[in-house]
C-alpha atoms as a PDB file:
ATOM      1  CA  GLY A   1      42.381 -31.561 -12.548  1.00  0.00           C
ATOM      2  CA  THR A   2      43.030 -29.421 -15.582  1.00  0.00           C
ATOM      3  CA  LEU A   3      45.972 -27.525 -14.140  1.00  0.00           C
ATOM      4  CA  ASP A   4      47.562 -30.741 -12.898  1.00  0.00           C
ATOM      5  CA  LEU A   5      47.708 -32.160 -16.434  1.00  0.00           C
ATOM      6  CA  VAL A   6      49.136 -28.947 -17.862  1.00  0.00           C
ATOM      7  CA  ALA A   7      51.659 -28.647 -15.023  1.00  0.00           C
ATOM      8  CA  PHE A   8      52.668 -32.292 -15.464  1.00  0.00           C
ATOM      9  CA  ALA A   9      53.308 -31.779 -19.180  1.00  0.00           C
ATOM     10  CA  GLU A  10      55.358 -28.669 -18.503  1.00  0.00           C
ATOM     11  CA  ALA A  11      57.416 -30.392 -15.814  1.00  0.00           C
ATOM     12  CA  HIS A  12      57.998 -33.745 -17.521  1.00  0.00           C
ATOM     13  CA  ASP A  13      57.723 -32.981 -21.273  1.00  0.00           C
ATOM     14  CA  PRO A  14      56.223 -36.357 -22.317  1.00  0.00           C
ATOM     15  CA  ASP A  15      56.372 -37.376 -25.981  1.00  0.00           C
ATOM     16  CA  VAL A  16      53.092 -39.312 -25.720  1.00  0.00           C
ATOM     17  CA  ILE A  17      50.160 -38.894 -23.340  1.00  0.00           C
ATOM     18  CA  VAL A  18      47.948 -41.907 -22.621  1.00  0.00           C
ATOM     19  CA  TYR A  19      44.471 -40.750 -21.618  1.00  0.00           C
ATOM     20  CA  ASP A  20      41.606 -43.011 -20.571  1.00  0.00           C
ATOM     21  CA  LEU A  21      38.362 -41.441 -21.733  1.00  0.00           C
ATOM     22  CA  PRO A  22      35.377 -42.426 -19.559  1.00  0.00           C
ATOM     23  CA  ARG A  23      31.679 -41.990 -20.185  1.00  0.00           C
ATOM     24  CA  PRO A  24      29.927 -39.675 -20.853  1.00  0.00           C
ATOM     25  CA  TYR A  25      32.126 -39.441 -23.916  1.00  0.00           C
ATOM     26  CA  GLU A  26      30.922 -36.083 -25.191  1.00  0.00           C
ATOM     27  CA  ARG A  27      31.735 -34.253 -21.942  1.00  0.00           C
ATOM     28  CA  HIS A  28      35.118 -35.905 -21.514  1.00  0.00           C
ATOM     29  CA  TRP A  29      35.943 -35.531 -25.212  1.00  0.00           C
ATOM     30  CA  ASN A  30      35.275 -31.789 -24.917  1.00  0.00           C
ATOM     31  CA  PHE A  31      37.631 -31.687 -21.917  1.00  0.00           C
ATOM     32  CA  LEU A  32      40.328 -33.473 -23.949  1.00  0.00           C
ATOM     33  CA  ARG A  33      39.859 -31.039 -26.841  1.00  0.00           C
ATOM     34  CA  LEU A  34      40.248 -28.088 -24.464  1.00  0.00           C
ATOM     35  CA  MET A  35      43.416 -29.630 -23.038  1.00  0.00           C
ATOM     36  CA  LYS A  36      44.790 -30.116 -26.562  1.00  0.00           C
ATOM     37  CA  GLU A  37      44.462 -26.363 -27.113  1.00  0.00           C
ATOM     38  CA  THR A  38      46.792 -25.397 -24.257  1.00  0.00           C
ATOM     39  CA  ASN A  39      50.368 -24.467 -25.162  1.00  0.00           C
ATOM     40  CA  SER A  40      51.810 -27.315 -23.101  1.00  0.00           C
ATOM     41  CA  LEU A  41      49.648 -30.027 -24.669  1.00  0.00           C
ATOM     42  CA  LYS A  42      48.725 -28.961 -28.197  1.00  0.00           C
ATOM     43  CA  ASP A  43      51.669 -30.518 -30.036  1.00  0.00           C
ATOM     44  CA  ARG A  44      51.861 -33.841 -28.225  1.00  0.00           C
ATOM     45  CA  ALA A  45      50.913 -37.295 -29.428  1.00  0.00           C
ATOM     46  CA  TRP A  46      47.923 -38.803 -27.631  1.00  0.00           C
ATOM     47  CA  VAL A  47      46.800 -42.399 -27.175  1.00  0.00           C
ATOM     48  CA  VAL A  48      43.206 -42.582 -25.969  1.00  0.00           C
ATOM     49  CA  THR A  49      41.859 -45.699 -24.296  1.00  0.00           C
ATOM     50  CA  THR A  50      38.178 -46.411 -23.773  1.00  0.00           C
ATOM     51  CA  THR A  51      35.791 -49.243 -22.995  1.00  0.00           C
ATOM     52  CA  ASP A  52      33.563 -48.609 -26.035  1.00  0.00           C
ATOM     53  CA  LYS A  53      35.566 -47.583 -29.099  1.00  0.00           C
ATOM     54  CA  GLU A  54      32.546 -47.460 -31.432  1.00  0.00           C
ATOM     55  CA  ALA A  55      30.596 -45.134 -29.121  1.00  0.00           C
ATOM     56  CA  LEU A  56      33.616 -42.867 -28.747  1.00  0.00           C
ATOM     57  CA  LEU A  57      34.246 -42.781 -32.498  1.00  0.00           C
ATOM     58  CA  ALA A  58      30.624 -41.713 -32.987  1.00  0.00           C
ATOM     59  CA  VAL A  59      31.365 -38.666 -30.807  1.00  0.00           C
ATOM     60  CA  VAL A  60      34.882 -38.027 -32.115  1.00  0.00           C
ATOM     61  CA  LYS A  61      34.173 -38.592 -35.807  1.00  0.00           C
ATOM     62  CA  ALA A  62      37.079 -37.197 -37.827  1.00  0.00           C
ATOM     63  CA  ALA A  63      38.313 -34.729 -35.230  1.00  0.00           C
ATOM     64  CA  ASN A  64      42.000 -35.509 -35.968  1.00  0.00           C
ATOM     65  CA  VAL A  65      42.908 -34.760 -32.367  1.00  0.00           C
ATOM     66  CA  VAL A  66      44.377 -38.051 -31.226  1.00  0.00           C
ATOM     67  CA  GLU A  67      46.684 -40.459 -32.939  1.00  0.00           C
ATOM     68  CA  ILE A  68      45.290 -43.762 -31.686  1.00  0.00           C
ATOM     69  CA  ILE A  69      42.176 -45.010 -29.927  1.00  0.00           C
ATOM     70  CA  VAL A  70      42.397 -48.402 -28.240  1.00  0.00           C
ATOM     71  CA  GLY A  71      39.024 -50.093 -27.602  1.00  0.00           C
ATOM     72  CA  GLN A  72      38.017 -52.642 -24.978  1.00  0.00           C
ATOM     73  CA  PRO A  73      39.106 -55.270 -24.336  1.00  0.00           C
ATOM     74  CA  PHE A  74      42.704 -54.152 -24.236  1.00  0.00           C
ATOM     75  CA  GLY A  75      45.714 -54.984 -22.148  1.00  0.00           C
ATOM     76  CA  ALA A  76      48.906 -53.229 -21.192  1.00  0.00           C
ATOM     77  CA  SER A  77      50.660 -54.607 -24.262  1.00  0.00           C
ATOM     78  CA  ASP A  78      48.026 -53.000 -26.526  1.00  0.00           C
ATOM     79  CA  VAL A  79      48.652 -49.619 -24.926  1.00  0.00           C
ATOM     80  CA  VAL A  80      52.433 -50.071 -25.142  1.00  0.00           C
ATOM     81  CA  ASP A  81      52.094 -50.992 -28.832  1.00  0.00           C
ATOM     82  CA  ALA A  82      49.961 -47.878 -29.413  1.00  0.00           C
ATOM     83  CA  VAL A  83      52.571 -45.699 -27.689  1.00  0.00           C
ATOM     84  CA  HIS A  84      55.335 -47.216 -29.829  1.00  0.00           C
ATOM     85  CA  LEU A  85      53.261 -46.539 -32.951  1.00  0.00           C
ATOM     86  CA  ALA A  86      52.691 -42.933 -31.899  1.00  0.00           C
ATOM     87  CA  LEU A  87      56.425 -42.504 -31.314  1.00  0.00           C
ATOM     88  CA  GLN A  88      57.258 -44.043 -34.697  1.00  0.00           C
ATOM     89  CA  THR A  89      54.771 -41.734 -36.378  1.00  0.00           C
ATOM     90  CA  ARG A  90      55.950 -38.619 -34.635  1.00  0.00           C
ATOM     91  CA  GLY A  91      59.315 -39.473 -33.060  1.00  0.00           C
ATOM     92  CA  PRO A  92      60.579 -38.671 -29.553  1.00  0.00           C
ATOM     93  CA  GLY A  93      60.793 -34.954 -28.860  1.00  0.00           C
ATOM     94  CA  GLN A  94      59.222 -34.122 -32.225  1.00  0.00           C
ATOM     95  CA  ARG A  95      56.315 -31.707 -32.080  1.00  0.00           C
ATOM     96  CA  VAL A  96      53.864 -30.790 -34.803  1.00  0.00           C
END
């Protein structure tokens, strides 16, 4: 739930959060945006995975909330590459 994600971030201080965004995209995107506004999550890098990148991008547009969106089909190596890219862009421990 919502508090679990916030509590996890406070306890573990991750540099990057990988979040799989399911359908319906608009509802789950709004949830992600609300999470990004919390103190514990607002300055973190995010990698969002989804099964339909084009449909998600239609909802997201230019929201500038996440660093990377990985579309289907993707494998573990694609997600790892996206996390490495997010870390290179922002750097470990670096917040906005």
